[in-house]
Amino acid sequence: MDLTVYWTRFAENKLDAIFDYYETNVSNRTAQELVKGIIDATIGLKKNPYIGQEEELLSGRPQNFRYLVYKNYKIIYWINKIKNRIDIVNVFDTRQNPIEMNYFV
């Protein structure tokens, strides 16, 4: 199963916010490495979209959300079979209140 990985605007905005925070508070290099690591963590989804665990906090939604973990971040996605792609919908900082995860759509 070879699917395309698609980043929603919301997920891209989260990556931008992560980059901006680390660039301002740590360094440009750290910001680049962190964002690159998050993106690279999704590469394996193309061939094996089921490697992520199901996200129980989003189980009441029609999509079957799954997630990958990279450092302190959950990369939340679902398999969009209609468009033959993986939709990455959020990059959630696990240091936040988990209830906040429900407000991304």
C-alpha atoms as a PDB file:
ATOM      1  CA  MET A   1       0.000   0.000   0.000  1.00  0.00           C
ATOM      2  CA  ASP A   2       1.781   3.137  -1.219  1.00  0.00           C
ATOM      3  CA  LEU A   3      -0.012   6.277  -0.078  1.00  0.00           C
ATOM      4  CA  THR A   4       0.801   9.967  -0.266  1.00  0.00           C
ATOM      5  CA  VAL A   5       1.457  11.814   2.983  1.00  0.00           C
ATOM      6  CA  TYR A   6      -0.593  15.022   3.055  1.00  0.00           C
ATOM      7  CA  TRP A   7      -0.102  17.706   5.712  1.00  0.00           C
ATOM      8  CA  THR A   8      -3.221  19.752   6.461  1.00  0.00           C
ATOM      9  CA  ARG A   9      -2.909  23.491   6.845  1.00  0.00           C
ATOM     10  CA  PHE A  10      -3.529  23.115  10.591  1.00  0.00           C
ATOM     11  CA  ALA A  11      -0.675  20.611  10.957  1.00  0.00           C
ATOM     12  CA  GLU A  12       1.649  22.812   8.897  1.00  0.00           C
ATOM     13  CA  ASN A  13       0.774  25.788  11.090  1.00  0.00           C
ATOM     14  CA  LYS A  14       1.619  23.715  14.169  1.00  0.00           C
ATOM     15  CA  LEU A  15       5.017  22.865  12.651  1.00  0.00           C
ATOM     16  CA  ASP A  16       5.603  26.559  11.962  1.00  0.00           C
ATOM     17  CA  ALA A  17       4.694  27.428  15.562  1.00  0.00           C
ATOM     18  CA  ILE A  18       7.051  24.748  16.902  1.00  0.00           C
ATOM     19  CA  PHE A  19       9.836  26.049  14.674  1.00  0.00           C
ATOM     20  CA  ASP A  20       9.244  29.680  15.703  1.00  0.00           C
ATOM     21  CA  TYR A  21       9.216  28.802  19.404  1.00  0.00           C
ATOM     22  CA  TYR A  22      12.470  26.853  19.302  1.00  0.00           C
ATOM     23  CA  GLU A  23      14.162  29.344  17.009  1.00  0.00           C
ATOM     24  CA  THR A  24      13.299  32.187  19.404  1.00  0.00           C
ATOM     25  CA  ASN A  25      13.968  30.370  22.670  1.00  0.00           C
ATOM     26  CA  VAL A  26      16.742  27.914  21.803  1.00  0.00           C
ATOM     27  CA  SER A  27      18.412  28.192  18.393  1.00  0.00           C
ATOM     28  CA  ASN A  28      17.727  28.052  14.693  1.00  0.00           C
ATOM     29  CA  ARG A  29      19.629  24.776  14.411  1.00  0.00           C
ATOM     30  CA  THR A  30      17.564  23.112  17.152  1.00  0.00           C
ATOM     31  CA  ALA A  31      14.351  24.354  15.547  1.00  0.00           C
ATOM     32  CA  GLN A  32      15.387  22.952  12.154  1.00  0.00           C
ATOM     33  CA  GLU A  33      16.423  19.587  13.592  1.00  0.00           C
ATOM     34  CA  LEU A  34      13.202  19.207  15.578  1.00  0.00           C
ATOM     35  CA  VAL A  35      10.895  20.028  12.662  1.00  0.00           C
ATOM     36  CA  LYS A  36      12.935  17.824  10.304  1.00  0.00           C
ATOM     37  CA  GLY A  37      12.689  14.974  12.825  1.00  0.00           C
ATOM     38  CA  ILE A  38       8.913  15.346  13.053  1.00  0.00           C
ATOM     39  CA  ILE A  39       8.565  15.297   9.269  1.00  0.00           C
ATOM     40  CA  ASP A  40      10.991  12.380   8.878  1.00  0.00           C
ATOM     41  CA  ALA A  41       9.004  10.364  11.419  1.00  0.00           C
ATOM     42  CA  THR A  42       6.123  10.270   8.933  1.00  0.00           C
ATOM     43  CA  ILE A  43       8.092   8.841   6.003  1.00  0.00           C
ATOM     44  CA  GLY A  44       7.330   5.225   6.942  1.00  0.00           C
ATOM     45  CA  LEU A  45       3.602   5.900   6.758  1.00  0.00           C
ATOM     46  CA  LYS A  46       3.676   5.736   2.957  1.00  0.00           C
ATOM     47  CA  LYS A  47       4.287   2.001   2.920  1.00  0.00           C
ATOM     48  CA  ASN A  48       2.898   1.046   6.333  1.00  0.00           C
ATOM     49  CA  PRO A  49       0.112   3.419   7.401  1.00  0.00           C
ATOM     50  CA  TYR A  50      -0.911   1.247  10.337  1.00  0.00           C
ATOM     51  CA  ILE A  51       2.353   1.605  12.285  1.00  0.00           C
ATOM     52  CA  GLY A  52       0.825   4.264  14.536  1.00  0.00           C
ATOM     53  CA  GLN A  53      -1.359   3.401  17.489  1.00  0.00           C
ATOM     54  CA  GLU A  54      -5.017   4.339  17.518  1.00  0.00           C
ATOM     55  CA  GLU A  55      -5.698   7.581  19.376  1.00  0.00           C
ATOM     56  CA  GLU A  56      -8.228   6.717  22.077  1.00  0.00           C
ATOM     57  CA  LEU A  57      -8.934  10.361  22.922  1.00  0.00           C
ATOM     58  CA  LEU A  58     -10.337  10.843  19.399  1.00  0.00           C
ATOM     59  CA  SER A  59     -12.192   7.538  19.142  1.00  0.00           C
ATOM     60  CA  GLY A  60     -15.616   9.220  18.945  1.00  0.00           C
ATOM     61  CA  ARG A  61     -14.857  10.725  15.544  1.00  0.00           C
ATOM     62  CA  PRO A  62     -15.731   9.147  12.181  1.00  0.00           C
ATOM     63  CA  GLN A  63     -12.068   8.968  11.134  1.00  0.00           C
ATOM     64  CA  ASN A  64      -9.896   6.333  12.721  1.00  0.00           C
ATOM     65  CA  PHE A  65      -7.165   8.601  14.077  1.00  0.00           C
ATOM     66  CA  ARG A  66      -3.737   7.158  14.768  1.00  0.00           C
ATOM     67  CA  TYR A  67      -0.538   8.704  15.996  1.00  0.00           C
ATOM     68  CA  LEU A  68       3.223   8.466  15.918  1.00  0.00           C
ATOM     69  CA  VAL A  69       5.426   9.831  18.681  1.00  0.00           C
ATOM     70  CA  TYR A  70       8.506  11.930  18.090  1.00  0.00           C
ATOM     71  CA  LYS A  71      10.132  13.318  21.242  1.00  0.00           C
ATOM     72  CA  ASN A  72       7.357  15.281  23.034  1.00  0.00           C
ATOM     73  CA  TYR A  73       5.015  15.349  20.049  1.00  0.00           C
ATOM     74  CA  LYS A  74       2.181  13.184  18.812  1.00  0.00           C
ATOM     75  CA  ILE A  75       1.802  13.284  15.047  1.00  0.00           C
ATOM     76  CA  ILE A  76      -1.900  12.630  14.569  1.00  0.00           C
ATOM     77  CA  TYR A  77      -3.140  11.246  11.273  1.00  0.00           C
ATOM     78  CA  TRP A  78      -5.824   9.169   9.611  1.00  0.00           C
ATOM     79  CA  ILE A  79      -5.887   7.020   6.508  1.00  0.00           C
ATOM     80  CA  ASN A  80      -8.004   8.763   3.885  1.00  0.00           C
ATOM     81  CA  LYS A  81      -8.884   5.839   1.626  1.00  0.00           C
ATOM     82  CA  ILE A  82     -11.079   7.957  -0.634  1.00  0.00           C
ATOM     83  CA  LYS A  83      -8.146  10.196  -1.618  1.00  0.00           C
ATOM     84  CA  ASN A  84      -5.552   7.411  -1.273  1.00  0.00           C
ATOM     85  CA  ARG A  85      -3.436   9.342   1.208  1.00  0.00           C
ATOM     86  CA  ILE A  86      -2.416   9.787   4.829  1.00  0.00           C
ATOM     87  CA  ASP A  87      -3.845  13.021   6.248  1.00  0.00           C
ATOM     88  CA  ILE A  88      -1.645  14.443   8.991  1.00  0.00           C
ATOM     89  CA  VAL A  89      -3.994  16.653  10.946  1.00  0.00           C
ATOM     90  CA  ASN A  90      -2.086  17.740  14.047  1.00  0.00           C
ATOM     91  CA  VAL A  91       1.276  17.813  15.749  1.00  0.00           C
ATOM     92  CA  PHE A  92       0.312  17.781  19.406  1.00  0.00           C
ATOM     93  CA  ASP A  93       2.693  18.661  22.218  1.00  0.00           C
ATOM     94  CA  THR A  94       2.158  15.920  24.810  1.00  0.00           C
ATOM     95  CA  ARG A  95       3.038  18.338  27.608  1.00  0.00           C
ATOM     96  CA  GLN A  96      -0.342  20.002  27.048  1.00  0.00           C
ATOM     97  CA  ASN A  97      -3.625  18.926  28.566  1.00  0.00           C
ATOM     98  CA  PRO A  98      -4.817  15.955  26.436  1.00  0.00           C
ATOM     99  CA  ILE A  99      -8.310  17.491  26.232  1.00  0.00           C
ATOM    100  CA  GLU A 100      -6.810  20.203  23.989  1.00  0.00           C
ATOM    101  CA  MET A 101      -6.313  17.556  21.310  1.00  0.00           C
ATOM    102  CA  ASN A 102     -10.061  17.660  20.590  1.00  0.00           C
ATOM    103  CA  TYR A 103      -9.927  21.248  19.343  1.00  0.00           C
ATOM    104  CA  PHE A 104      -7.854  20.786  16.219  1.00  0.00           C
ATOM    105  CA  VAL A 105     -10.584  20.455  13.621  1.00  0.00           C
END
